[in-house]
Amino acid sequence: AYTVTHMLPEVIPILLSLALGMPAALSALLILVIDLGTELAPAVSLAYEPSESDVMNRPPRDSQKDHLVTWKVCLYVAIAGVIEFLACFLAFCLVFDHYGVHLTDLYNNSSDHWNLDEPSDYTTDDGRFYSADQQKQILREAQTAFWAMLTGAQVIHIWLNKTRILPLADHGICRNTVMSYGVLIEVCLIIVFIFVPGVNTVLQSEPFPGIYWLLIFVGQASLFIYNEGRKYIARAY
């Protein structure tokens, strides 16, 4: 579920761009960086996770009836993926709004403005003028904010996927040392890909206004509430 959840926040921006003509909230390069970079170490660390303490109380899985991918897993991926997307899209929109560009201004506007090719000059409703280079920079900042929210949410999501039913506090947070190193690698990669000159040039990422980094905690808190609430309901019923 951990490795599949981030697919929704990657796919939905593409659909929005195709259907509504909005600028892509996530570039192809940043998608590849997630799938081939930041996700690898945490995903591998799940193989070293100790079993849950109640595992022997569960009946054996019937291979003819109990499939590994069930409707419950699909429902979890859909809900968690939408939670991550909403947090990411909020950051994307707020970065644009920081420069006086509102969500309605982005609708059906990506062919002429707000793209990384050669956008035409743009003037906002309040008279702010943005040249082609300025539009590219703002778009890169917004895309980077979306990417940072997604990878930041996955930082906490990996811990929440340590158990299916037991609360995280009962299972233990630090029992899997490999996971701790995996998350540390992920955090370091996030910093490198955004702030290291040369690297961010290649990836077309751009540091965005610092206040919007706080939105990472919105996505993380939402995932925590959903996961621990889901586990509580599963134990109770």
C-alpha atoms as a PDB file:
ATOM      1  CA  ALA A   1       0.000   0.000   0.000  1.00  0.00           C
ATOM      2  CA  TYR A   2       2.882   2.365   0.755  1.00  0.00           C
ATOM      3  CA  THR A   3       4.460   2.139  -2.684  1.00  0.00           C
ATOM      4  CA  VAL A   4       1.163   2.366  -4.576  1.00  0.00           C
ATOM      5  CA  THR A   5      -0.383   5.274  -2.648  1.00  0.00           C
ATOM      6  CA  HIS A   6       1.844   7.935  -4.197  1.00  0.00           C
ATOM      7  CA  MET A   7       0.663   6.968  -7.695  1.00  0.00           C
ATOM      8  CA  LEU A   8      -2.602   8.896  -7.334  1.00  0.00           C
ATOM      9  CA  PRO A   9      -0.900  12.233  -6.576  1.00  0.00           C
ATOM     10  CA  GLU A  10       1.316  11.562  -9.604  1.00  0.00           C
ATOM     11  CA  VAL A  11      -1.520  10.708 -12.007  1.00  0.00           C
ATOM     12  CA  ILE A  12      -4.201  13.233 -10.989  1.00  0.00           C
ATOM     13  CA  PRO A  13      -2.118  16.323 -12.019  1.00  0.00           C
ATOM     14  CA  ILE A  14      -1.676  14.814 -15.479  1.00  0.00           C
ATOM     15  CA  LEU A  15      -5.431  14.258 -15.779  1.00  0.00           C
ATOM     16  CA  LEU A  16      -6.143  17.812 -14.611  1.00  0.00           C
ATOM     17  CA  SER A  17      -3.697  19.186 -17.143  1.00  0.00           C
ATOM     18  CA  LEU A  18      -5.272  17.210 -19.981  1.00  0.00           C
ATOM     19  CA  ALA A  19      -8.891  17.812 -18.969  1.00  0.00           C
ATOM     20  CA  LEU A  20      -8.779  21.394 -17.686  1.00  0.00           C
ATOM     21  CA  GLY A  21      -5.755  22.845 -19.451  1.00  0.00           C
ATOM     22  CA  MET A  22      -4.002  23.602 -16.160  1.00  0.00           C
ATOM     23  CA  PRO A  23      -0.213  23.686 -15.841  1.00  0.00           C
ATOM     24  CA  ALA A  24       1.198  20.330 -14.788  1.00  0.00           C
ATOM     25  CA  ALA A  25       1.527  20.257 -11.012  1.00  0.00           C
ATOM     26  CA  LEU A  26       4.298  17.674 -11.268  1.00  0.00           C
ATOM     27  CA  SER A  27       6.874  17.367 -14.021  1.00  0.00           C
ATOM     28  CA  ALA A  28       7.956  14.070 -15.543  1.00  0.00           C
ATOM     29  CA  LEU A  29      11.439  14.440 -14.060  1.00  0.00           C
ATOM     30  CA  LEU A  30      10.102  14.929 -10.542  1.00  0.00           C
ATOM     31  CA  ILE A  31       7.863  11.876 -10.929  1.00  0.00           C
ATOM     32  CA  LEU A  32      10.891   9.803 -11.916  1.00  0.00           C
ATOM     33  CA  VAL A  33      12.830  11.169  -8.950  1.00  0.00           C
ATOM     34  CA  ILE A  34      10.104   9.840  -6.643  1.00  0.00           C
ATOM     35  CA  ASP A  35       9.790   6.415  -8.280  1.00  0.00           C
ATOM     36  CA  LEU A  36      13.516   5.835  -8.803  1.00  0.00           C
ATOM     37  CA  GLY A  37      14.938   7.895  -5.948  1.00  0.00           C
ATOM     38  CA  THR A  38      13.198   8.933  -2.771  1.00  0.00           C
ATOM     39  CA  GLU A  39      10.869   5.895  -2.571  1.00  0.00           C
ATOM     40  CA  LEU A  40      13.444   3.146  -2.962  1.00  0.00           C
ATOM     41  CA  ALA A  41      15.175   3.063   0.422  1.00  0.00           C
ATOM     42  CA  PRO A  42      12.000   3.323   2.572  1.00  0.00           C
ATOM     43  CA  ALA A  43      10.185   0.715   0.450  1.00  0.00           C
ATOM     44  CA  VAL A  44      13.051  -1.788   0.768  1.00  0.00           C
ATOM     45  CA  SER A  45      13.140  -1.235   4.537  1.00  0.00           C
ATOM     46  CA  LEU A  46       9.639  -2.702   4.898  1.00  0.00           C
ATOM     47  CA  ALA A  47      11.163  -6.134   4.212  1.00  0.00           C
ATOM     48  CA  TYR A  48      13.016  -5.849   7.536  1.00  0.00           C
ATOM     49  CA  GLU A  49       9.944  -4.937   9.585  1.00  0.00           C
ATOM     50  CA  PRO A  50       9.265  -7.327  12.526  1.00  0.00           C
ATOM     51  CA  SER A  51       5.866  -9.020  12.476  1.00  0.00           C
ATOM     52  CA  GLU A  52       2.969  -7.660  14.505  1.00  0.00           C
ATOM     53  CA  SER A  53       2.572  -9.171  17.960  1.00  0.00           C
ATOM     54  CA  ASP A  54      -0.909 -10.544  17.196  1.00  0.00           C
ATOM     55  CA  VAL A  55       0.115 -12.290  13.964  1.00  0.00           C
ATOM     56  CA  MET A  56      -0.251 -15.786  15.485  1.00  0.00           C
ATOM     57  CA  ASN A  57      -3.819 -15.006  16.532  1.00  0.00           C
ATOM     58  CA  ARG A  58      -4.935 -14.595  12.938  1.00  0.00           C
ATOM     59  CA  PRO A  59      -6.114 -17.590  10.886  1.00  0.00           C
ATOM     60  CA  PRO A  60      -3.904 -18.639   7.943  1.00  0.00           C
ATOM     61  CA  ARG A  61      -4.607 -16.953   4.638  1.00  0.00           C
ATOM     62  CA  ASP A  62      -6.701 -19.014   2.219  1.00  0.00           C
ATOM     63  CA  SER A  63      -4.844 -18.662  -1.067  1.00  0.00           C
ATOM     64  CA  GLN A  64      -8.037 -19.469  -3.006  1.00  0.00           C
ATOM     65  CA  LYS A  65     -10.144 -16.741  -1.373  1.00  0.00           C
ATOM     66  CA  ASP A  66      -7.868 -14.252   0.395  1.00  0.00           C
ATOM     67  CA  HIS A  67      -6.051 -12.326  -2.305  1.00  0.00           C
ATOM     68  CA  LEU A  68      -3.108 -10.069  -1.541  1.00  0.00           C
ATOM     69  CA  VAL A  69      -4.764  -7.168  -3.366  1.00  0.00           C
ATOM     70  CA  THR A  70      -8.312  -6.840  -2.025  1.00  0.00           C
ATOM     71  CA  TRP A  71     -10.981  -4.151  -2.247  1.00  0.00           C
ATOM     72  CA  LYS A  72      -9.873  -3.016   1.208  1.00  0.00           C
ATOM     73  CA  VAL A  73      -6.337  -2.414  -0.032  1.00  0.00           C
ATOM     74  CA  CYS A  74      -7.654  -0.556  -3.083  1.00  0.00           C
ATOM     75  CA  LEU A  75      -9.924   1.566  -0.881  1.00  0.00           C
ATOM     76  CA  TYR A  76      -7.017   2.385   1.423  1.00  0.00           C
ATOM     77  CA  VAL A  77      -4.810   3.410  -1.509  1.00  0.00           C
ATOM     78  CA  ALA A  78      -7.603   5.587  -2.927  1.00  0.00           C
ATOM     79  CA  ILE A  79      -8.306   7.424   0.347  1.00  0.00           C
ATOM     80  CA  ALA A  80      -4.653   7.858   1.359  1.00  0.00           C
ATOM     81  CA  GLY A  81      -3.750   8.894  -2.186  1.00  0.00           C
ATOM     82  CA  VAL A  82      -6.474  11.552  -2.266  1.00  0.00           C
ATOM     83  CA  ILE A  83      -5.343  12.860   1.135  1.00  0.00           C
ATOM     84  CA  GLU A  84      -1.803  13.237  -0.184  1.00  0.00           C
ATOM     85  CA  PHE A  85      -2.983  14.825  -3.423  1.00  0.00           C
ATOM     86  CA  LEU A  86      -5.114  17.431  -1.636  1.00  0.00           C
ATOM     87  CA  ALA A  87      -2.198  18.474   0.572  1.00  0.00           C
ATOM     88  CA  CYS A  88       0.102  18.657  -2.454  1.00  0.00           C
ATOM     89  CA  PHE A  89      -2.374  20.569  -4.606  1.00  0.00           C
ATOM     90  CA  LEU A  90      -3.010  23.033  -1.784  1.00  0.00           C
ATOM     91  CA  ALA A  91       0.709  23.853  -1.694  1.00  0.00           C
ATOM     92  CA  PHE A  92       0.797  24.124  -5.496  1.00  0.00           C
ATOM     93  CA  CYS A  93      -2.087  26.616  -5.525  1.00  0.00           C
ATOM     94  CA  LEU A  94      -0.776  28.646  -2.587  1.00  0.00           C
ATOM     95  CA  VAL A  95       2.593  29.186  -4.258  1.00  0.00           C
ATOM     96  CA  PHE A  96       0.805  30.607  -7.295  1.00  0.00           C
ATOM     97  CA  ASP A  97      -1.442  32.665  -5.035  1.00  0.00           C
ATOM     98  CA  HIS A  98       1.700  34.036  -3.365  1.00  0.00           C
ATOM     99  CA  TYR A  99       2.455  35.725  -6.686  1.00  0.00           C
ATOM    100  CA  GLY A 100      -1.120  36.944  -7.245  1.00  0.00           C
ATOM    101  CA  VAL A 101      -2.121  34.095  -9.586  1.00  0.00           C
ATOM    102  CA  HIS A 102      -5.333  32.404  -8.477  1.00  0.00           C
ATOM    103  CA  LEU A 103      -6.610  28.926  -9.257  1.00  0.00           C
ATOM    104  CA  THR A 104      -9.170  30.282 -11.697  1.00  0.00           C
ATOM    105  CA  ASP A 105      -6.350  32.015 -13.595  1.00  0.00           C
ATOM    106  CA  LEU A 106      -4.729  28.648 -14.255  1.00  0.00           C
ATOM    107  CA  TYR A 107      -7.782  27.075 -15.882  1.00  0.00           C
ATOM    108  CA  ASN A 108      -7.293  26.443 -19.621  1.00  0.00           C
ATOM    109  CA  ASN A 109      -4.148  28.554 -19.584  1.00  0.00           C
ATOM    110  CA  SER A 110      -1.223  26.157 -19.870  1.00  0.00           C
ATOM    111  CA  SER A 111      -0.867  26.361 -23.642  1.00  0.00           C
ATOM    112  CA  ASP A 112      -0.130  30.094 -23.667  1.00  0.00           C
ATOM    113  CA  HIS A 113       1.128  30.702 -20.127  1.00  0.00           C
ATOM    114  CA  TRP A 114       2.643  28.851 -17.163  1.00  0.00           C
ATOM    115  CA  ASN A 115       4.634  26.212 -18.993  1.00  0.00           C
ATOM    116  CA  LEU A 116       8.332  25.448 -19.216  1.00  0.00           C
ATOM    117  CA  ASP A 117       8.586  26.088 -22.966  1.00  0.00           C
ATOM    118  CA  GLU A 118       8.137  29.694 -24.115  1.00  0.00           C
ATOM    119  CA  PRO A 119       5.056  31.128 -22.383  1.00  0.00           C
ATOM    120  CA  SER A 120       3.655  34.487 -23.453  1.00  0.00           C
ATOM    121  CA  ASP A 121       3.883  37.449 -21.108  1.00  0.00           C
ATOM    122  CA  TYR A 122       1.188  37.404 -18.435  1.00  0.00           C
ATOM    123  CA  THR A 123      -0.495  40.148 -16.420  1.00  0.00           C
ATOM    124  CA  THR A 124      -2.606  39.337 -13.354  1.00  0.00           C
ATOM    125  CA  ASP A 125      -5.902  40.999 -12.472  1.00  0.00           C
ATOM    126  CA  ASP A 126      -4.130  43.268  -9.988  1.00  0.00           C
ATOM    127  CA  GLY A 127      -1.600  44.434 -12.582  1.00  0.00           C
ATOM    128  CA  ARG A 128       1.419  42.230 -11.819  1.00  0.00           C
ATOM    129  CA  PHE A 129       3.456  41.510 -14.942  1.00  0.00           C
ATOM    130  CA  TYR A 130       5.328  38.233 -15.418  1.00  0.00           C
ATOM    131  CA  SER A 131       7.720  37.580 -18.267  1.00  0.00           C
ATOM    132  CA  ALA A 132       8.361  34.118 -19.709  1.00  0.00           C
ATOM    133  CA  ASP A 133      11.344  33.506 -17.394  1.00  0.00           C
ATOM    134  CA  GLN A 134       9.396  34.643 -14.341  1.00  0.00           C
ATOM    135  CA  GLN A 135       6.497  32.340 -15.215  1.00  0.00           C
ATOM    136  CA  LYS A 136       8.884  29.410 -15.553  1.00  0.00           C
ATOM    137  CA  GLN A 137      10.417  30.135 -12.154  1.00  0.00           C
ATOM    138  CA  ILE A 138       7.021  30.409 -10.443  1.00  0.00           C
ATOM    139  CA  LEU A 139       5.845  27.177 -12.080  1.00  0.00           C
ATOM    140  CA  ARG A 140       9.015  25.388 -10.973  1.00  0.00           C
ATOM    141  CA  GLU A 141       8.460  26.643  -7.422  1.00  0.00           C
ATOM    142  CA  ALA A 142       4.851  25.435  -7.445  1.00  0.00           C
ATOM    143  CA  GLN A 143       5.821  22.048  -8.873  1.00  0.00           C
ATOM    144  CA  THR A 144       8.575  21.692  -6.317  1.00  0.00           C
ATOM    145  CA  ALA A 145       6.125  22.539  -3.532  1.00  0.00           C
ATOM    146  CA  PHE A 146       3.785  19.802  -4.810  1.00  0.00           C
ATOM    147  CA  TRP A 147       6.708  17.356  -4.951  1.00  0.00           C
ATOM    148  CA  ALA A 148       7.959  18.289  -1.482  1.00  0.00           C
ATOM    149  CA  MET A 149       4.486  17.791   0.030  1.00  0.00           C
ATOM    150  CA  LEU A 150       4.218  14.361  -1.585  1.00  0.00           C
ATOM    151  CA  THR A 151       7.631  13.114  -0.527  1.00  0.00           C
ATOM    152  CA  GLY A 152       7.171  14.696   2.904  1.00  0.00           C
ATOM    153  CA  ALA A 153       3.867  12.871   3.352  1.00  0.00           C
ATOM    154  CA  GLN A 154       5.535   9.604   2.372  1.00  0.00           C
ATOM    155  CA  VAL A 155       8.123  10.165   5.106  1.00  0.00           C
ATOM    156  CA  ILE A 156       5.426   9.694   7.761  1.00  0.00           C
ATOM    157  CA  HIS A 157       3.391   7.250   5.665  1.00  0.00           C
ATOM    158  CA  ILE A 158       6.115   4.601   5.794  1.00  0.00           C
ATOM    159  CA  TRP A 159       5.912   4.528   9.591  1.00  0.00           C
ATOM    160  CA  LEU A 160       2.126   4.256   9.514  1.00  0.00           C
ATOM    161  CA  ASN A 161       2.383   1.194   7.266  1.00  0.00           C
ATOM    162  CA  LYS A 162       4.392  -0.752   9.843  1.00  0.00           C
ATOM    163  CA  THR A 163       1.163  -2.357  11.111  1.00  0.00           C
ATOM    164  CA  ARG A 164      -2.212  -3.313   9.696  1.00  0.00           C
ATOM    165  CA  ILE A 165      -4.293  -3.272  12.887  1.00  0.00           C
ATOM    166  CA  LEU A 166      -2.111  -2.596  15.911  1.00  0.00           C
ATOM    167  CA  PRO A 167      -1.540   1.061  16.873  1.00  0.00           C
ATOM    168  CA  LEU A 168       1.907   2.309  16.013  1.00  0.00           C
ATOM    169  CA  ALA A 169       2.707   3.069  19.660  1.00  0.00           C
ATOM    170  CA  ASP A 170       2.109  -0.566  20.675  1.00  0.00           C
ATOM    171  CA  HIS A 171       4.147  -2.003  17.818  1.00  0.00           C
ATOM    172  CA  GLY A 172       7.115   0.307  18.379  1.00  0.00           C
ATOM    173  CA  ILE A 173       8.522   3.010  16.167  1.00  0.00           C
ATOM    174  CA  CYS A 174      12.248   2.219  16.338  1.00  0.00           C
ATOM    175  CA  ARG A 175      12.267  -1.578  16.036  1.00  0.00           C
ATOM    176  CA  ASN A 176      13.332  -1.431  12.383  1.00  0.00           C
ATOM    177  CA  THR A 177      16.725   0.272  12.155  1.00  0.00           C
ATOM    178  CA  VAL A 178      16.808  -0.176   8.381  1.00  0.00           C
ATOM    179  CA  MET A 179      13.638   1.895   8.088  1.00  0.00           C
ATOM    180  CA  SER A 180      15.206   4.686  10.109  1.00  0.00           C
ATOM    181  CA  TYR A 181      18.149   4.771   7.713  1.00  0.00           C
ATOM    182  CA  GLY A 182      15.802   4.559   4.721  1.00  0.00           C
ATOM    183  CA  VAL A 183      13.804   7.576   5.870  1.00  0.00           C
ATOM    184  CA  LEU A 184      17.023   9.473   6.607  1.00  0.00           C
ATOM    185  CA  ILE A 185      18.193   8.798   3.051  1.00  0.00           C
ATOM    186  CA  GLU A 186      14.830  10.005   1.732  1.00  0.00           C
ATOM    187  CA  VAL A 187      14.989  13.255   3.711  1.00  0.00           C
ATOM    188  CA  CYS A 188      18.562  13.884   2.545  1.00  0.00           C
ATOM    189  CA  LEU A 189      17.548  13.324  -1.073  1.00  0.00           C
ATOM    190  CA  ILE A 190      14.655  15.778  -0.711  1.00  0.00           C
ATOM    191  CA  ILE A 191      17.061  18.441   0.542  1.00  0.00           C
ATOM    192  CA  VAL A 192      19.633  17.717  -2.170  1.00  0.00           C
ATOM    193  CA  PHE A 193      17.121  17.700  -5.022  1.00  0.00           C
ATOM    194  CA  ILE A 194      15.660  21.068  -3.999  1.00  0.00           C
ATOM    195  CA  PHE A 195      18.541  23.107  -2.633  1.00  0.00           C
ATOM    196  CA  VAL A 196      21.821  21.880  -4.156  1.00  0.00           C
ATOM    197  CA  PRO A 197      22.803  24.077  -7.128  1.00  0.00           C
ATOM    198  CA  GLY A 198      23.254  22.100 -10.322  1.00  0.00           C
ATOM    199  CA  VAL A 199      21.082  19.249  -9.120  1.00  0.00           C
ATOM    200  CA  ASN A 200      17.974  21.423  -8.966  1.00  0.00           C
ATOM    201  CA  THR A 201      18.896  22.877 -12.354  1.00  0.00           C
ATOM    202  CA  VAL A 202      18.868  19.423 -13.939  1.00  0.00           C
ATOM    203  CA  LEU A 203      15.615  18.423 -12.198  1.00  0.00           C
ATOM    204  CA  GLN A 204      14.012  21.824 -12.869  1.00  0.00           C
ATOM    205  CA  SER A 205      13.167  22.182  -9.187  1.00  0.00           C
ATOM    206  CA  GLU A 206      13.201  25.485  -7.342  1.00  0.00           C
ATOM    207  CA  PRO A 207      13.135  26.454  -3.634  1.00  0.00           C
ATOM    208  CA  PHE A 208       9.699  27.877  -2.838  1.00  0.00           C
ATOM    209  CA  PRO A 209       8.610  30.386  -0.137  1.00  0.00           C
ATOM    210  CA  GLY A 210       9.522  28.944   3.251  1.00  0.00           C
ATOM    211  CA  ILE A 211       6.128  29.443   4.899  1.00  0.00           C
ATOM    212  CA  TYR A 212       4.623  26.745   2.691  1.00  0.00           C
ATOM    213  CA  TRP A 213       6.952  24.088   4.064  1.00  0.00           C
ATOM    214  CA  LEU A 214       4.616  24.021   7.072  1.00  0.00           C
ATOM    215  CA  LEU A 215       1.979  22.411   4.853  1.00  0.00           C
ATOM    216  CA  ILE A 216       3.979  19.174   5.023  1.00  0.00           C
ATOM    217  CA  PHE A 217       2.648  18.728   8.542  1.00  0.00           C
ATOM    218  CA  VAL A 218      -0.927  19.076   7.262  1.00  0.00           C
ATOM    219  CA  GLY A 219      -0.515  16.088   4.970  1.00  0.00           C
ATOM    220  CA  GLN A 220       1.363  14.092   7.594  1.00  0.00           C
ATOM    221  CA  ALA A 221      -1.214  14.802  10.313  1.00  0.00           C
ATOM    222  CA  SER A 222      -4.088  13.889   7.978  1.00  0.00           C
ATOM    223  CA  LEU A 223      -2.470  10.563   7.101  1.00  0.00           C
ATOM    224  CA  PHE A 224      -1.795   9.840  10.771  1.00  0.00           C
ATOM    225  CA  ILE A 225      -5.398  10.539  11.794  1.00  0.00           C
ATOM    226  CA  TYR A 226      -6.762   8.428   8.936  1.00  0.00           C
ATOM    227  CA  ASN A 227      -4.439   5.471   9.554  1.00  0.00           C
ATOM    228  CA  GLU A 228      -4.727   5.310  13.311  1.00  0.00           C
ATOM    229  CA  GLY A 229      -8.486   5.857  13.064  1.00  0.00           C
ATOM    230  CA  ARG A 230      -8.769   3.034  10.537  1.00  0.00           C
ATOM    231  CA  LYS A 231      -6.791   0.710  12.790  1.00  0.00           C
ATOM    232  CA  TYR A 232      -8.951   1.588  15.774  1.00  0.00           C
ATOM    233  CA  ILE A 233     -12.132   0.761  13.849  1.00  0.00           C
ATOM    234  CA  ALA A 234     -10.584  -2.517  12.630  1.00  0.00           C
ATOM    235  CA  ARG A 235      -9.748  -3.540  16.198  1.00  0.00           C
ATOM    236  CA  ALA A 236     -13.143  -2.507  17.546  1.00  0.00           C
ATOM    237  CA  TYR A 237     -15.253  -4.157  14.841  1.00  0.00           C
END
